[in-house]
Structures are given as structure tokens and as C-alpha cells.
Amino acid sequence: INGQDHLIPANVGITETGHYPLHTHEADNIIHVENDKPTLETLQLGTFFVIWNKTFNENCIFDYCTDKGTLKMYVNGKENTQFEKYIFQGDDQILIEYKNN
């Protein structure tokens, strides 16, 4: 966001009773997909942000929205416009970039 990295914290999606299909273990920006009954919803990037309790869609990342800046997403180095609807594929490298106008 505006040239500053925002890391995903450890234990997003992990509770005392188990874990969500999308979750983190360490603060290493790796989202784990452990899902014995996958559905399109449980594999979408937006679902992880819901679990994390953060905003992410084609218009906003956290509190940063396109009315004041530009939001782009890259998957494996290529721009991708699926945003929250993007479905995880293997070892994806996902970069979400926001810049103020």
C-alpha cells in the first residue's frame, strides 16, 4: 500500500477448535489451503479476507479504495482482475498493490 509492505499475520483462520480451509500458520505471507471438501467459495481469495476480517474487492484493500487511488492485483507476475473472486491455484504468488492518486 503506497509502497509499504503489509504482511499477513500468523494464525489467521486458526481457532481453539480448529482451522478454516484458508489460514496462515506463520507471519510469512503463505496462505495454506487445507480443504477436504473444496467449493468455489472456500477457494476464493476473498474468502480468506472475510476470515481475516479485512476488506478486499475490486474497489478496496483494507480502508484504501479506488475513489482515492488505484488498485491492482497480480498473480504470478501477470495482472489479474478477478480480485476477491480469484480461485487459488497451487503455489500462486499474489501481489495486491494500492497507490494513492
C-alpha atoms as a PDB file:
ATOM      1  CA  ILE A   1       0.000   0.000   0.000  1.00  0.00           C
ATOM      2  CA  ASN A   2       1.652   3.183  -1.234  1.00  0.00           C
ATOM      3  CA  GLY A   3       4.972   1.345  -1.453  1.00  0.00           C
ATOM      4  CA  GLN A   4       4.784  -0.177   2.046  1.00  0.00           C
ATOM      5  CA  ASP A   5       4.521  -3.935   2.577  1.00  0.00           C
ATOM      6  CA  HIS A   6       1.653  -5.187   4.722  1.00  0.00           C
ATOM      7  CA  LEU A   7       2.310  -8.700   5.930  1.00  0.00           C
ATOM      8  CA  ILE A   8      -0.354 -11.271   6.685  1.00  0.00           C
ATOM      9  CA  PRO A   9      -0.106 -12.194  10.378  1.00  0.00           C
ATOM     10  CA  ALA A  10       0.269 -15.687  11.821  1.00  0.00           C
ATOM     11  CA  ASN A  11      -2.757 -17.759  12.777  1.00  0.00           C
ATOM     12  CA  VAL A  12      -5.370 -16.043  10.609  1.00  0.00           C
ATOM     13  CA  GLY A  13      -8.192 -18.568  10.390  1.00  0.00           C
ATOM     14  CA  ILE A  14      -6.950 -20.727  13.257  1.00  0.00           C
ATOM     15  CA  THR A  15      -9.175 -21.021  16.310  1.00  0.00           C
ATOM     16  CA  GLU A  16      -9.119 -23.062  19.516  1.00  0.00           C
ATOM     17  CA  THR A  17     -11.420 -25.612  17.895  1.00  0.00           C
ATOM     18  CA  GLY A  18      -9.661 -25.975  14.536  1.00  0.00           C
ATOM     19  CA  HIS A  19      -8.895 -24.025  11.428  1.00  0.00           C
ATOM     20  CA  TYR A  20     -10.652 -22.654   8.366  1.00  0.00           C
ATOM     21  CA  PRO A  21      -9.831 -24.181   4.960  1.00  0.00           C
ATOM     22  CA  LEU A  22      -7.845 -20.993   4.216  1.00  0.00           C
ATOM     23  CA  HIS A  23      -5.481 -19.956   7.002  1.00  0.00           C
ATOM     24  CA  THR A  24      -1.945 -18.984   7.975  1.00  0.00           C
ATOM     25  CA  HIS A  25       0.448 -20.612  10.410  1.00  0.00           C
ATOM     26  CA  GLU A  26       3.351 -18.165  10.447  1.00  0.00           C
ATOM     27  CA  ALA A  27       3.729 -14.473   9.590  1.00  0.00           C
ATOM     28  CA  ASP A  28       5.368 -15.494   6.316  1.00  0.00           C
ATOM     29  CA  ASN A  29       2.631 -14.411   3.862  1.00  0.00           C
ATOM     30  CA  ILE A  30       1.788 -18.007   2.995  1.00  0.00           C
ATOM     31  CA  ILE A  31      -1.916 -18.807   2.905  1.00  0.00           C
ATOM     32  CA  HIS A  32      -2.485 -22.506   3.461  1.00  0.00           C
ATOM     33  CA  VAL A  33      -5.274 -24.266   1.612  1.00  0.00           C
ATOM     34  CA  GLU A  34      -6.263 -27.368   3.559  1.00  0.00           C
ATOM     35  CA  ASN A  35      -9.679 -28.367   2.417  1.00  0.00           C
ATOM     36  CA  ASP A  36     -11.104 -31.893   2.229  1.00  0.00           C
ATOM     37  CA  LYS A  37     -14.387 -30.655   0.687  1.00  0.00           C
ATOM     38  CA  PRO A  38     -13.416 -27.718  -1.536  1.00  0.00           C
ATOM     39  CA  THR A  39     -16.037 -25.464  -3.068  1.00  0.00           C
ATOM     40  CA  LEU A  40     -15.554 -22.410  -5.247  1.00  0.00           C
ATOM     41  CA  GLU A  41     -16.291 -20.192  -2.245  1.00  0.00           C
ATOM     42  CA  THR A  42     -13.761 -21.850   0.064  1.00  0.00           C
ATOM     43  CA  LEU A  43     -11.025 -21.492  -2.558  1.00  0.00           C
ATOM     44  CA  GLN A  44     -11.597 -17.802  -3.382  1.00  0.00           C
ATOM     45  CA  LEU A  45      -9.130 -15.160  -2.269  1.00  0.00           C
ATOM     46  CA  GLY A  46     -11.998 -13.032  -0.968  1.00  0.00           C
ATOM     47  CA  THR A  47     -12.963 -15.779   1.474  1.00  0.00           C
ATOM     48  CA  PHE A  48      -9.549 -15.504   3.116  1.00  0.00           C
ATOM     49  CA  PHE A  49     -10.089 -11.760   3.619  1.00  0.00           C
ATOM     50  CA  VAL A  50     -13.519 -12.464   5.180  1.00  0.00           C
ATOM     51  CA  ILE A  51     -11.868 -14.936   7.574  1.00  0.00           C
ATOM     52  CA  TRP A  52      -9.194 -12.298   8.317  1.00  0.00           C
ATOM     53  CA  ASN A  53     -11.976  -9.720   8.865  1.00  0.00           C
ATOM     54  CA  LYS A  54     -10.437  -7.363   6.290  1.00  0.00           C
ATOM     55  CA  THR A  55     -11.924  -5.682   3.233  1.00  0.00           C
ATOM     56  CA  PHE A  56     -10.801  -6.793  -0.219  1.00  0.00           C
ATOM     57  CA  ASN A  57     -12.643  -6.470  -3.510  1.00  0.00           C
ATOM     58  CA  GLU A  58     -12.168  -4.783  -6.883  1.00  0.00           C
ATOM     59  CA  ASN A  59     -12.594  -1.374  -5.230  1.00  0.00           C
ATOM     60  CA  CYS A  60     -10.834  -1.625  -1.842  1.00  0.00           C
ATOM     61  CA  ILE A  61      -7.993  -3.211   0.083  1.00  0.00           C
ATOM     62  CA  PHE A  62      -8.454  -2.607   3.811  1.00  0.00           C
ATOM     63  CA  ASP A  63      -9.571   1.048   4.035  1.00  0.00           C
ATOM     64  CA  TYR A  64      -7.864   2.073   0.783  1.00  0.00           C
ATOM     65  CA  CYS A  65     -10.351   2.460  -2.064  1.00  0.00           C
ATOM     66  CA  THR A  66     -10.283   3.375  -5.728  1.00  0.00           C
ATOM     67  CA  ASP A  67     -12.098   6.679  -5.143  1.00  0.00           C
ATOM     68  CA  LYS A  68      -8.698   7.965  -3.921  1.00  0.00           C
ATOM     69  CA  GLY A  69      -6.253   5.658  -5.672  1.00  0.00           C
ATOM     70  CA  THR A  70      -5.513   2.741  -7.964  1.00  0.00           C
ATOM     71  CA  LEU A  71      -5.858  -0.915  -7.003  1.00  0.00           C
ATOM     72  CA  LYS A  72      -4.216  -3.703  -8.992  1.00  0.00           C
ATOM     73  CA  MET A  73      -3.677  -7.387  -8.396  1.00  0.00           C
ATOM     74  CA  TYR A  74      -1.010  -9.594  -9.939  1.00  0.00           C
ATOM     75  CA  VAL A  75      -0.953 -13.392  -9.934  1.00  0.00           C
ATOM     76  CA  ASN A  76       2.373 -14.984 -10.814  1.00  0.00           C
ATOM     77  CA  GLY A  77       3.551 -11.679 -12.272  1.00  0.00           C
ATOM     78  CA  LYS A  78       0.532 -11.090 -14.541  1.00  0.00           C
ATOM     79  CA  GLU A  79      -2.195  -8.558 -13.848  1.00  0.00           C
ATOM     80  CA  ASN A  80      -5.436 -10.233 -12.791  1.00  0.00           C
ATOM     81  CA  THR A  81      -8.820  -8.532 -12.457  1.00  0.00           C
ATOM     82  CA  GLN A  82     -10.668 -11.279 -10.585  1.00  0.00           C
ATOM     83  CA  PHE A  83      -9.753  -9.756  -7.188  1.00  0.00           C
ATOM     84  CA  GLU A  84     -11.889 -11.372  -4.433  1.00  0.00           C
ATOM     85  CA  LYS A  85     -13.235 -13.966  -6.884  1.00  0.00           C
ATOM     86  CA  TYR A  86      -9.778 -15.327  -7.730  1.00  0.00           C
ATOM     87  CA  ILE A  87      -9.502 -19.069  -7.050  1.00  0.00           C
ATOM     88  CA  PHE A  88      -6.196 -20.248  -5.569  1.00  0.00           C
ATOM     89  CA  GLN A  89      -4.064 -22.443  -7.850  1.00  0.00           C
ATOM     90  CA  GLY A  90      -1.150 -24.329  -6.329  1.00  0.00           C
ATOM     91  CA  ASP A  91       1.813 -22.131  -5.437  1.00  0.00           C
ATOM     92  CA  ASP A  92       0.401 -18.796  -6.622  1.00  0.00           C
ATOM     93  CA  GLN A  93       2.367 -15.648  -5.964  1.00  0.00           C
ATOM     94  CA  ILE A  94      -0.261 -12.938  -5.390  1.00  0.00           C
ATOM     95  CA  LEU A  95       0.585  -9.251  -5.136  1.00  0.00           C
ATOM     96  CA  ILE A  96      -2.075  -6.671  -4.334  1.00  0.00           C
ATOM     97  CA  GLU A  97      -0.960  -3.124  -4.973  1.00  0.00           C
ATOM     98  CA  TYR A  98      -2.665   0.128  -3.992  1.00  0.00           C
ATOM     99  CA  LYS A  99      -1.369   3.605  -4.841  1.00  0.00           C
ATOM    100  CA  ASN A 100      -2.896   6.946  -3.915  1.00  0.00           C
ATOM    101  CA  ASN A 101      -3.712   9.186  -6.876  1.00  0.00           C
END
